[in-house]
């Protein structure tokens, strides 16, 4: 395995902008809503309770924030390594788990996309399979024809998102697995540039 430097730099840029995408939460935590402020302003208490539940949801994402910070620490130490390997362990029932700290392809979408295989598969001749993978990441209907047609119709958007992901954020951040989707967009843009 190796680092997908473009995705890691994109995640760092979004983190600095305090913009969360998918399993990568925004950097800043939501402030705790104060009931007295709602009463003084004469706002509805239902708004207070809505904000309280949003705050609780945001609080649950603190572990993801910690994981991202720790992953960036690991990246800063190992970013020059061209290849690295993971240690595997077995539990008492014989299931295997990868040990990699806060980096690994068994984690959430944002952390999986930080890694890429050193030996990449060729896209040429496998465009239909690539369209299927792109459709999986996007979350569209599981139909070969539909996914292939979607790629043909949206190829320029995919290439532009792969080349300038921050400028095309609205195109890819709503995908089912946005980090996997943008990684695939970057691969398709590189493939298009070579063809």
Protein backbone atom coordinates (compact mmCIF):
# COMPACT_ATOMS: atom_id res chain seq x y z
CA UNK A 1 0.00 0.00 0.00
CA UNK A 2 0.99 3.60 -0.48
CA UNK A 3 -0.41 7.05 0.18
CA UNK A 4 -2.90 8.76 -2.06
CA UNK A 5 -1.24 12.14 -1.58
CA UNK A 6 -3.83 14.05 -3.61
CA UNK A 7 -6.70 12.87 -1.41
CA UNK A 8 -4.77 13.52 1.80
CA UNK A 9 -3.96 17.07 0.67
CA UNK A 10 -7.61 17.59 -0.29
CA UNK A 11 -8.74 16.37 3.14
CA UNK A 12 -6.26 18.71 4.83
CA UNK A 13 -7.56 21.64 2.73
CA UNK A 14 -11.19 20.87 3.62
CA UNK A 15 -10.21 20.45 7.27
CA UNK A 16 -8.57 23.89 7.21
CA UNK A 17 -11.70 25.33 5.59
CA UNK A 18 -13.81 23.71 8.35
CA UNK A 19 -15.89 21.87 5.74
CA UNK A 20 -16.92 18.28 6.46
CA UNK A 21 -17.55 15.78 3.68
CA UNK A 22 -18.84 12.26 4.26
CA UNK A 23 -17.04 10.53 7.11
CA UNK A 24 -14.67 13.49 7.52
CA UNK A 25 -16.38 15.92 9.94
CA UNK A 26 -15.77 19.67 10.03
CA UNK A 27 -12.82 20.67 12.19
CA UNK A 28 -14.68 22.90 14.62
CA UNK A 29 -17.20 21.52 17.06
CA UNK A 30 -20.67 22.96 17.26
CA UNK A 31 -21.18 25.21 20.32
CA UNK A 32 -23.52 23.97 23.01
CA UNK A 33 -26.91 25.73 22.72
CA UNK A 34 -27.86 27.74 25.80
CA UNK A 35 -31.55 27.59 26.70
CA UNK A 36 -31.42 31.02 28.38
CA UNK A 37 -30.38 32.67 25.09
CA UNK A 38 -33.45 31.28 23.34
CA UNK A 39 -35.69 32.50 26.15
CA UNK A 40 -34.14 36.00 26.18
CA UNK A 41 -34.49 36.34 22.40
CA UNK A 42 -38.06 35.07 22.53
CA UNK A 43 -37.34 32.19 20.15
CA UNK A 44 -39.25 28.94 20.19
CA UNK A 45 -38.04 26.23 22.54
CA UNK A 46 -38.46 23.77 19.66
CA UNK A 47 -35.55 25.59 17.96
CA UNK A 48 -33.49 25.08 21.12
CA UNK A 49 -34.26 21.35 21.16
CA UNK A 50 -33.46 21.06 17.45
CA UNK A 51 -30.08 22.66 18.07
CA UNK A 52 -29.51 20.45 21.11
CA UNK A 53 -30.02 17.30 19.04
CA UNK A 54 -27.74 18.68 16.31
CA UNK A 55 -25.12 19.37 18.99
CA UNK A 56 -25.42 15.79 20.28
CA UNK A 57 -25.01 14.44 16.75
CA UNK A 58 -21.95 16.65 16.25
CA UNK A 59 -20.50 15.51 19.61
CA UNK A 60 -20.64 11.88 18.43
CA UNK A 61 -18.26 12.83 15.61
CA UNK A 62 -15.48 13.85 18.01
CA UNK A 63 -13.87 10.41 17.67
CA UNK A 64 -13.72 10.93 13.90
CA UNK A 65 -12.04 14.28 14.48
CA UNK A 66 -9.48 12.62 16.74
CA UNK A 67 -8.93 9.83 14.20
CA UNK A 68 -8.30 12.38 11.45
CA UNK A 69 -5.82 14.33 13.56
CA UNK A 70 -3.98 11.11 14.43
CA UNK A 71 -4.03 9.99 10.79
CA UNK A 72 -2.47 13.30 9.74
CA UNK A 73 0.23 12.77 12.37
CA UNK A 74 0.96 9.34 10.89
CA UNK A 75 0.95 10.86 7.39
CA UNK A 76 3.41 13.59 8.39
CA UNK A 77 5.80 10.91 9.66
CA UNK A 78 5.40 8.43 6.79
CA UNK A 79 4.55 10.63 3.78
CA UNK A 80 7.94 10.00 2.16
CA UNK A 81 7.60 6.21 2.34
CA UNK A 82 6.80 4.84 -1.12
CA UNK A 83 5.29 1.63 0.27
CA UNK A 84 4.25 0.25 3.62
CA UNK A 85 2.72 -2.92 4.97
CA UNK A 86 0.13 -3.64 7.62
CA UNK A 87 0.26 -6.19 10.40
CA UNK A 88 -2.69 -8.57 10.72
CA UNK A 89 -3.99 -10.21 13.87
CA UNK A 90 -6.59 -12.87 14.55
CA UNK A 91 -9.21 -12.81 17.24
CA UNK A 92 -10.30 -15.86 19.21
CA UNK A 93 -12.74 -16.91 16.46
CA UNK A 94 -10.13 -16.76 13.70
CA UNK A 95 -11.27 -13.48 12.09
CA UNK A 96 -8.44 -11.34 10.78
CA UNK A 97 -8.06 -7.64 11.54
CA UNK A 98 -5.57 -5.17 10.19
CA UNK A 99 -3.53 -3.23 12.72
CA UNK A 100 -2.58 0.17 11.41
CA UNK A 101 -3.44 2.70 14.06
CA UNK A 102 -5.59 5.41 12.57
CA UNK A 103 -4.73 4.54 8.99
CA UNK A 104 -6.21 1.61 7.17
CA UNK A 105 -8.48 0.42 4.43
CA UNK A 106 -10.85 -1.27 6.89
CA UNK A 107 -11.91 2.10 8.30
CA UNK A 108 -14.45 4.69 7.12
CA UNK A 109 -14.51 6.08 3.57
CA UNK A 110 -12.27 9.09 4.31
CA UNK A 111 -9.53 6.88 5.80
CA UNK A 112 -9.73 4.19 3.10
CA UNK A 113 -9.27 6.79 0.38
CA UNK A 114 -6.00 7.98 1.94
CA UNK A 115 -4.43 4.74 0.73
CA UNK A 116 -3.97 3.29 -2.70
CA UNK A 117 -2.45 0.17 -4.11
CA UNK A 118 1.10 0.59 -5.35
CA UNK A 119 0.34 -1.62 -8.36
CA UNK A 120 -2.74 -0.06 -9.92
CA UNK A 121 -5.06 -1.93 -12.26
CA UNK A 122 -5.25 -0.74 -15.88
CA UNK A 123 -8.35 1.23 -16.84
CA UNK A 124 -7.90 0.71 -20.56
CA UNK A 125 -10.11 -2.19 -21.59
CA UNK A 126 -11.88 -2.12 -18.22
CA UNK A 127 -14.02 0.98 -18.68
CA UNK A 128 -17.25 -0.90 -17.93
CA UNK A 129 -15.87 -2.16 -14.62
CA UNK A 130 -14.64 1.33 -13.82
CA UNK A 131 -18.11 2.77 -14.55
CA UNK A 132 -19.55 0.14 -12.20
CA UNK A 133 -17.14 1.13 -9.40
CA UNK A 134 -17.88 4.81 -10.00
CA UNK A 135 -21.62 4.09 -9.81
CA UNK A 136 -21.13 2.17 -6.54
CA UNK A 137 -19.30 5.11 -4.99
CA UNK A 138 -21.91 7.53 -6.29
CA UNK A 139 -24.83 5.38 -5.21
CA UNK A 140 -26.76 5.12 -8.48
CA UNK A 141 -28.87 2.25 -9.85
CA UNK A 142 -27.12 -1.12 -10.21
CA UNK A 143 -27.47 -1.43 -13.97
CA UNK A 144 -24.47 -1.81 -16.31
CA UNK A 145 -26.09 0.17 -19.09
CA UNK A 146 -27.23 2.99 -16.84
CA UNK A 147 -23.85 3.35 -15.12
CA UNK A 148 -21.99 3.29 -18.43
CA UNK A 149 -24.35 5.90 -19.87
CA UNK A 150 -23.96 8.04 -16.73
CA UNK A 151 -20.17 8.04 -17.15
CA UNK A 152 -20.45 8.99 -20.84
CA UNK A 153 -22.86 11.85 -20.06
CA UNK A 154 -20.90 13.14 -17.06
CA UNK A 155 -17.33 12.43 -18.17
CA UNK A 156 -16.35 16.10 -18.35
CA UNK A 157 -17.68 16.68 -14.83
CA UNK A 158 -15.77 13.63 -13.57
CA UNK A 159 -12.55 14.84 -15.19
CA UNK A 160 -12.98 18.37 -13.87
CA UNK A 161 -13.72 17.04 -10.36
CA UNK A 162 -10.63 14.86 -10.56
CA UNK A 163 -8.45 17.79 -11.61
CA UNK A 164 -10.00 20.48 -9.37
CA UNK A 165 -11.90 18.79 -6.53
CA UNK A 166 -12.26 21.93 -4.42
CA UNK A 167 -13.82 23.85 -7.32
CA UNK A 168 -16.24 20.97 -8.06
CA UNK A 169 -17.16 20.20 -4.46
CA UNK A 170 -20.91 20.35 -5.10
CA UNK A 171 -20.54 17.64 -7.76
CA UNK A 172 -18.98 14.98 -5.54
CA UNK A 173 -19.64 15.75 -1.86
CA UNK A 174 -23.17 14.33 -1.98
CA UNK A 175 -22.05 10.91 -3.27
CA UNK A 176 -22.76 7.78 -1.23
CA UNK A 177 -19.00 7.33 -0.63
CA UNK A 178 -17.63 10.76 -1.55
CA UNK A 179 -13.96 10.03 -0.85
CA UNK A 180 -13.98 6.85 -2.88
CA UNK A 181 -15.83 8.73 -5.64
CA UNK A 182 -13.30 11.57 -5.77
CA UNK A 183 -10.42 9.06 -5.80
CA UNK A 184 -12.00 7.40 -8.82
CA UNK A 185 -12.54 10.79 -10.47
CA UNK A 186 -8.84 11.51 -10.03
CA UNK A 187 -7.96 8.16 -11.59
CA UNK A 188 -10.27 8.83 -14.56
CA UNK A 189 -8.78 12.32 -15.04
CA UNK A 190 -5.25 10.82 -15.07
CA UNK A 191 -6.44 8.13 -17.52
CA UNK A 192 -8.01 10.77 -19.77
CA UNK A 193 -4.82 12.85 -19.75
CA UNK A 194 -2.77 9.83 -20.90
CA UNK A 195 -5.21 8.83 -23.67
